[in-house]
Amino acid sequence: MSQAKKSVARRTFLVGLLTGAGAAAAFSSVPKKAAAKKDKALAQAGAASQPILYRRTKDVERYYKTLYT
């Protein structure tokens, strides 16, 4: 391979590499709109609309006392 072809191949590789790095940086800096809307929706809904997953009852209290004593 001649010296001219080597420099062109190297230059093409570097241009492609820099273009790819620039595209990756551009896409990673774009804010995620779907995640932002989801967080706003949860904040507006409040804790009252969330399902109750755990209720503290006397049986539960008794069970946890047996674990720690």
PDB file of N, CA and C in Angstrom:
ATOM      1  N   MET A   1       0.854  -1.174   0.000  1.00  0.00           N
ATOM      2  CA  MET A   1       0.000   0.000   0.000  1.00  0.00           C
ATOM      3  C   MET A   1       0.902   1.239   0.000  1.00  0.00           C
ATOM      4  N   SER A   2       0.552   2.190  -0.791  1.00  0.00           N
ATOM      5  CA  SER A   2       1.396   3.379  -0.893  1.00  0.00           C
ATOM      6  C   SER A   2       1.144   4.313   0.290  1.00  0.00           C
ATOM      7  N   GLN A   3       2.036   5.236   0.473  1.00  0.00           N
ATOM      8  CA  GLN A   3       1.952   6.196   1.581  1.00  0.00           C
ATOM      9  C   GLN A   3       0.685   7.033   1.481  1.00  0.00           C
ATOM     10  N   ALA A   4       0.268   7.430   0.291  1.00  0.00           N
ATOM     11  CA  ALA A   4      -0.923   8.258   0.095  1.00  0.00           C
ATOM     12  C   ALA A   4      -2.175   7.496   0.487  1.00  0.00           C
ATOM     13  N   LYS A   5      -2.243   6.215   0.110  1.00  0.00           N
ATOM     14  CA  LYS A   5      -3.419   5.412   0.453  1.00  0.00           C
ATOM     15  C   LYS A   5      -3.492   5.164   1.956  1.00  0.00           C
ATOM     16  N   LYS A   6      -2.355   4.993   2.619  1.00  0.00           N
ATOM     17  CA  LYS A   6      -2.328   4.782   4.058  1.00  0.00           C
ATOM     18  C   LYS A   6      -2.866   6.011   4.790  1.00  0.00           C
ATOM     19  N   SER A   7      -2.452   7.190   4.357  1.00  0.00           N
ATOM     20  CA  SER A   7      -2.900   8.405   5.036  1.00  0.00           C
ATOM     21  C   SER A   7      -4.390   8.650   4.806  1.00  0.00           C
ATOM     22  N   VAL A   8      -4.887   8.313   3.608  1.00  0.00           N
ATOM     23  CA  VAL A   8      -6.325   8.472   3.337  1.00  0.00           C
ATOM     24  C   VAL A   8      -7.120   7.493   4.190  1.00  0.00           C
ATOM     25  N   ALA A   9      -6.659   6.253   4.280  1.00  0.00           N
ATOM     26  CA  ALA A   9      -7.356   5.255   5.093  1.00  0.00           C
ATOM     27  C   ALA A   9      -7.354   5.658   6.560  1.00  0.00           C
ATOM     28  N   ARG A  10      -6.237   6.164   7.044  1.00  0.00           N
ATOM     29  CA  ARG A  10      -6.138   6.596   8.427  1.00  0.00           C
ATOM     30  C   ARG A  10      -7.066   7.780   8.675  1.00  0.00           C
ATOM     31  N   ARG A  11      -7.094   8.716   7.737  1.00  0.00           N
ATOM     32  CA  ARG A  11      -7.935   9.900   7.878  1.00  0.00           C
ATOM     33  C   ARG A  11      -9.414   9.505   7.873  1.00  0.00           C
ATOM     34  N   THR A  12      -9.794   8.595   7.002  1.00  0.00           N
ATOM     35  CA  THR A  12     -11.178   8.125   6.933  1.00  0.00           C
ATOM     36  C   THR A  12     -11.573   7.443   8.239  1.00  0.00           C
ATOM     37  N   PHE A  13     -10.683   6.639   8.780  1.00  0.00           N
ATOM     38  CA  PHE A  13     -10.955   5.964  10.042  1.00  0.00           C
ATOM     39  C   PHE A  13     -11.155   6.985  11.158  1.00  0.00           C
ATOM     40  N   LEU A  14     -10.282   7.969  11.243  1.00  0.00           N
ATOM     41  CA  LEU A  14     -10.390   8.973  12.301  1.00  0.00           C
ATOM     42  C   LEU A  14     -11.647   9.819  12.157  1.00  0.00           C
ATOM     43  N   VAL A  15     -12.018  10.153  10.933  1.00  0.00           N
ATOM     44  CA  VAL A  15     -13.257  10.918  10.712  1.00  0.00           C
ATOM     45  C   VAL A  15     -14.458  10.103  11.174  1.00  0.00           C
ATOM     46  N   GLY A  16     -14.475   8.828  10.831  1.00  0.00           N
ATOM     47  CA  GLY A  16     -15.570   7.954  11.262  1.00  0.00           C
ATOM     48  C   GLY A  16     -15.620   7.817  12.771  1.00  0.00           C
ATOM     49  N   LEU A  17     -14.461   7.692  13.387  1.00  0.00           N
ATOM     50  CA  LEU A  17     -14.385   7.569  14.840  1.00  0.00           C
ATOM     51  C   LEU A  17     -14.890   8.827  15.529  1.00  0.00           C
ATOM     52  N   LEU A  18     -14.457   9.981  15.058  1.00  0.00           N
ATOM     53  CA  LEU A  18     -14.897  11.244  15.653  1.00  0.00           C
ATOM     54  C   LEU A  18     -16.378  11.501  15.402  1.00  0.00           C
ATOM     55  N   THR A  19     -16.864  11.121  14.245  1.00  0.00           N
ATOM     56  CA  THR A  19     -18.291  11.276  13.946  1.00  0.00           C
ATOM     57  C   THR A  19     -19.120  10.397  14.880  1.00  0.00           C
ATOM     58  N   GLY A  20     -18.688   9.179  15.081  1.00  0.00           N
ATOM     59  CA  GLY A  20     -19.397   8.281  15.995  1.00  0.00           C
ATOM     60  C   GLY A  20     -19.381   8.784  17.420  1.00  0.00           C
ATOM     61  N   ALA A  21     -18.249   9.316  17.862  1.00  0.00           N
ATOM     62  CA  ALA A  21     -18.165   9.857  19.224  1.00  0.00           C
ATOM     63  C   ALA A  21     -19.062  11.083  19.373  1.00  0.00           C
ATOM     64  N   GLY A  22     -19.112  11.912  18.338  1.00  0.00           N
ATOM     65  CA  GLY A  22     -19.988  13.085  18.387  1.00  0.00           C
ATOM     66  C   GLY A  22     -21.450  12.697  18.412  1.00  0.00           C
ATOM     67  N   ALA A  23     -21.824  11.698  17.634  1.00  0.00           N
ATOM     68  CA  ALA A  23     -23.217  11.234  17.630  1.00  0.00           C
ATOM     69  C   ALA A  23     -23.595  10.633  18.977  1.00  0.00           C
ATOM     70  N   ALA A  24     -22.694   9.861  19.556  1.00  0.00           N
ATOM     71  CA  ALA A  24     -22.965   9.267  20.869  1.00  0.00           C
ATOM     72  C   ALA A  24     -23.127  10.348  21.934  1.00  0.00           C
ATOM     73  N   ALA A  25     -22.300  11.374  21.877  1.00  0.00           N
ATOM     74  CA  ALA A  25     -22.407  12.470  22.839  1.00  0.00           C
ATOM     75  C   ALA A  25     -23.703  13.238  22.650  1.00  0.00           C
ATOM     76  N   ALA A  26     -24.116  13.437  21.408  1.00  0.00           N
ATOM     77  CA  ALA A  26     -25.356  14.165  21.143  1.00  0.00           C
ATOM     78  C   ALA A  26     -26.567  13.386  21.633  1.00  0.00           C
ATOM     79  N   PHE A  27     -26.577  12.085  21.387  1.00  0.00           N
ATOM     80  CA  PHE A  27     -27.720  11.287  21.823  1.00  0.00           C
ATOM     81  C   PHE A  27     -27.760  11.104  23.332  1.00  0.00           C
ATOM     82  N   SER A  28     -26.624  11.078  23.974  1.00  0.00           N
ATOM     83  CA  SER A  28     -26.619  10.885  25.423  1.00  0.00           C
ATOM     84  C   SER A  28     -26.986  12.170  26.170  1.00  0.00           C
ATOM     85  N   SER A  29     -26.849  13.322  25.504  1.00  0.00           N
ATOM     86  CA  SER A  29     -27.167  14.577  26.187  1.00  0.00           C
ATOM     87  C   SER A  29     -28.621  14.982  26.027  1.00  0.00           C
ATOM     88  N   VAL A  30     -29.393  14.275  25.213  1.00  0.00           N
ATOM     89  CA  VAL A  30     -30.800  14.594  25.025  1.00  0.00           C
ATOM     90  C   VAL A  30     -31.572  14.135  26.261  1.00  0.00           C
ATOM     91  N   PRO A  31     -32.373  15.011  26.871  1.00  0.00           N
ATOM     92  CA  PRO A  31     -33.131  14.589  28.059  1.00  0.00           C
ATOM     93  C   PRO A  31     -34.189  13.549  27.694  1.00  0.00           C
ATOM     94  N   LYS A  32     -34.428  12.672  28.599  1.00  0.00           N
ATOM     95  CA  LYS A  32     -35.405  11.619  28.377  1.00  0.00           C
ATOM     96  C   LYS A  32     -36.791  12.162  28.744  1.00  0.00           C
ATOM     97  N   LYS A  33     -37.591  12.464  27.751  1.00  0.00           N
ATOM     98  CA  LYS A  33     -38.892  13.092  27.965  1.00  0.00           C
ATOM     99  C   LYS A  33     -39.879  12.136  28.615  1.00  0.00           C
ATOM    100  N   ALA A  34     -39.858  10.876  28.248  1.00  0.00           N
ATOM    101  CA  ALA A  34     -40.804   9.917  28.799  1.00  0.00           C
ATOM    102  C   ALA A  34     -40.588   9.750  30.302  1.00  0.00           C
ATOM    103  N   ALA A  35     -39.349   9.706  30.728  1.00  0.00           N
ATOM    104  CA  ALA A  35     -39.061   9.557  32.155  1.00  0.00           C
ATOM    105  C   ALA A  35     -39.491  10.805  32.913  1.00  0.00           C
ATOM    106  N   ALA A  36     -39.306  11.978  32.315  1.00  0.00           N
ATOM    107  CA  ALA A  36     -39.701  13.212  32.986  1.00  0.00           C
ATOM    108  C   ALA A  36     -41.210  13.277  33.140  1.00  0.00           C
ATOM    109  N   LYS A  37     -41.956  12.873  32.139  1.00  0.00           N
ATOM    110  CA  LYS A  37     -43.413  12.883  32.241  1.00  0.00           C
ATOM    111  C   LYS A  37     -43.893  11.885  33.283  1.00  0.00           C
ATOM    112  N   LYS A  38     -43.260  10.753  33.350  1.00  0.00           N
ATOM    113  CA  LYS A  38     -43.663   9.738  34.317  1.00  0.00           C
ATOM    114  C   LYS A  38     -43.452  10.247  35.743  1.00  0.00           C
ATOM    115  N   ASP A  39     -42.317  10.893  36.000  1.00  0.00           N
ATOM    116  CA  ASP A  39     -42.044  11.417  37.327  1.00  0.00           C
ATOM    117  C   ASP A  39     -43.042  12.504  37.707  1.00  0.00           C
ATOM    118  N   LYS A  40     -43.396  13.362  36.762  1.00  0.00           N
ATOM    119  CA  LYS A  40     -44.375  14.409  37.032  1.00  0.00           C
ATOM    120  C   LYS A  40     -45.739  13.802  37.335  1.00  0.00           C
ATOM    121  N   ALA A  41     -46.103  12.766  36.600  1.00  0.00           N
ATOM    122  CA  ALA A  41     -47.391  12.122  36.826  1.00  0.00           C
ATOM    123  C   ALA A  41     -47.442  11.490  38.208  1.00  0.00           C
ATOM    124  N   LEU A  42     -46.353  10.887  38.640  1.00  0.00           N
ATOM    125  CA  LEU A  42     -46.325  10.290  39.979  1.00  0.00           C
ATOM    126  C   LEU A  42     -46.388  11.358  41.062  1.00  0.00           C
ATOM    127  N   ALA A  43     -45.722  12.473  40.831  1.00  0.00           N
ATOM    128  CA  ALA A  43     -45.737  13.548  41.814  1.00  0.00           C
ATOM    129  C   ALA A  43     -47.129  14.153  41.933  1.00  0.00           C
ATOM    130  N   GLN A  44     -47.840  14.281  40.827  1.00  0.00           N
ATOM    131  CA  GLN A  44     -49.180  14.852  40.861  1.00  0.00           C
ATOM    132  C   GLN A  44     -50.175  13.878  41.469  1.00  0.00           C
ATOM    133  N   ALA A  45     -49.982  12.591  41.247  1.00  0.00           N
ATOM    134  CA  ALA A  45     -50.921  11.601  41.768  1.00  0.00           C
ATOM    135  C   ALA A  45     -50.852  11.520  43.287  1.00  0.00           C
ATOM    136  N   GLY A  46     -49.687  11.706  43.838  1.00  0.00           N
ATOM    137  CA  GLY A  46     -49.529  11.655  45.281  1.00  0.00           C
ATOM    138  C   GLY A  46     -49.509  10.238  45.801  1.00  0.00           C
ATOM    139  N   ALA A  47     -49.266  10.115  47.094  1.00  0.00           N
ATOM    140  CA  ALA A  47     -49.164   8.794  47.710  1.00  0.00           C
ATOM    141  C   ALA A  47     -50.530   8.160  47.937  1.00  0.00           C
ATOM    142  N   ALA A  48     -51.597   8.950  47.936  1.00  0.00           N
ATOM    143  CA  ALA A  48     -52.924   8.418  48.219  1.00  0.00           C
ATOM    144  C   ALA A  48     -53.397   7.453  47.141  1.00  0.00           C
ATOM    145  N   SER A  49     -53.012   7.672  45.909  1.00  0.00           N
ATOM    146  CA  SER A  49     -53.480   6.810  44.832  1.00  0.00           C
ATOM    147  C   SER A  49     -52.627   5.559  44.677  1.00  0.00           C
ATOM    148  N   GLN A  50     -51.512   5.476  45.391  1.00  0.00           N
ATOM    149  CA  GLN A  50     -50.656   4.303  45.314  1.00  0.00           C
ATOM    150  C   GLN A  50     -51.273   3.162  46.110  1.00  0.00           C
ATOM    151  N   PRO A  51     -51.141   1.936  45.653  1.00  0.00           N
ATOM    152  CA  PRO A  51     -51.704   0.808  46.400  1.00  0.00           C
ATOM    153  C   PRO A  51     -50.950   0.583  47.708  1.00  0.00           C
ATOM    154  N   ILE A  52     -51.653   0.156  48.692  1.00  0.00           N
ATOM    155  CA  ILE A  52     -51.048  -0.141  49.993  1.00  0.00           C
ATOM    156  C   ILE A  52     -50.517  -1.571  49.923  1.00  0.00           C
ATOM    157  N   LEU A  53     -49.232  -1.709  50.080  1.00  0.00           N
ATOM    158  CA  LEU A  53     -48.607  -3.015  49.955  1.00  0.00           C
ATOM    159  C   LEU A  53     -48.388  -3.691  51.298  1.00  0.00           C
ATOM    160  N   TYR A  54     -48.447  -2.940  52.364  1.00  0.00           N
ATOM    161  CA  TYR A  54     -48.122  -3.502  53.671  1.00  0.00           C
ATOM    162  C   TYR A  54     -48.939  -2.789  54.726  1.00  0.00           C
ATOM    163  N   ARG A  55     -49.592  -3.531  55.565  1.00  0.00           N
ATOM    164  CA  ARG A  55     -50.318  -2.958  56.702  1.00  0.00           C
ATOM    165  C   ARG A  55     -49.756  -3.552  57.980  1.00  0.00           C
ATOM    166  N   ARG A  56     -49.521  -2.700  58.933  1.00  0.00           N
ATOM    167  CA  ARG A  56     -48.967  -3.158  60.204  1.00  0.00           C
ATOM    168  C   ARG A  56     -50.116  -3.550  61.123  1.00  0.00           C
ATOM    169  N   THR A  57     -50.236  -4.820  61.413  1.00  0.00           N
ATOM    170  CA  THR A  57     -51.309  -5.332  62.274  1.00  0.00           C
ATOM    171  C   THR A  57     -50.694  -5.932  63.533  1.00  0.00           C
ATOM    172  N   LYS A  58     -51.550  -6.355  64.422  1.00  0.00           N
ATOM    173  CA  LYS A  58     -51.068  -6.965  65.661  1.00  0.00           C
ATOM    174  C   LYS A  58     -50.318  -8.266  65.379  1.00  0.00           C
ATOM    175  N   ASP A  59     -50.803  -9.018  64.434  1.00  0.00           N
ATOM    176  CA  ASP A  59     -50.123 -10.269  64.081  1.00  0.00           C
ATOM    177  C   ASP A  59     -48.715  -9.998  63.537  1.00  0.00           C
ATOM    178  N   VAL A  60     -48.592  -8.980  62.741  1.00  0.00           N
ATOM    179  CA  VAL A  60     -47.289  -8.628  62.182  1.00  0.00           C
ATOM    180  C   VAL A  60     -46.354  -8.175  63.294  1.00  0.00           C
ATOM    181  N   GLU A  61     -46.856  -7.357  64.198  1.00  0.00           N
ATOM    182  CA  GLU A  61     -46.042  -6.899  65.330  1.00  0.00           C
ATOM    183  C   GLU A  61     -45.557  -8.090  66.155  1.00  0.00           C
ATOM    184  N   ARG A  62     -46.430  -9.024  66.416  1.00  0.00           N
ATOM    185  CA  ARG A  62     -46.066 -10.204  67.198  1.00  0.00           C
ATOM    186  C   ARG A  62     -45.002 -11.026  66.458  1.00  0.00           C
ATOM    187  N   TYR A  63     -45.137 -11.157  65.164  1.00  0.00           N
ATOM    188  CA  TYR A  63     -44.168 -11.901  64.378  1.00  0.00           C
ATOM    189  C   TYR A  63     -42.791 -11.256  64.445  1.00  0.00           C
ATOM    190  N   TYR A  64     -42.738  -9.943  64.273  1.00  0.00           N
ATOM    191  CA  TYR A  64     -41.446  -9.267  64.313  1.00  0.00           C
ATOM    192  C   TYR A  64     -40.825  -9.275  65.711  1.00  0.00           C
ATOM    193  N   LYS A  65     -41.620  -9.271  66.726  1.00  0.00           N
ATOM    194  CA  LYS A  65     -41.083  -9.386  68.089  1.00  0.00           C
ATOM    195  C   LYS A  65     -40.419 -10.735  68.293  1.00  0.00           C
ATOM    196  N   THR A  66     -40.975 -11.786  67.702  1.00  0.00           N
ATOM    197  CA  THR A  66     -40.358 -13.105  67.851  1.00  0.00           C
ATOM    198  C   THR A  66     -39.047 -13.188  67.067  1.00  0.00           C
ATOM    199  N   LEU A  67     -38.929 -12.412  66.006  1.00  0.00           N
ATOM    200  CA  LEU A  67     -37.674 -12.444  65.250  1.00  0.00           C
ATOM    201  C   LEU A  67     -36.532 -11.788  66.007  1.00  0.00           C
ATOM    202  N   TYR A  68     -36.818 -10.712  66.704  1.00  0.00           N
ATOM    203  CA  TYR A  68     -35.760  -9.918  67.323  1.00  0.00           C
ATOM    204  C   TYR A  68     -35.513 -10.253  68.782  1.00  0.00           C
ATOM    205  N   THR A  69     -36.255 -11.166  69.362  1.00  0.00           N
ATOM    206  CA  THR A  69     -36.016 -11.518  70.768  1.00  0.00           C
ATOM    207  C   THR A  69     -35.500 -12.928  70.899  1.00  0.00           C
TER     208      THR A  69
END
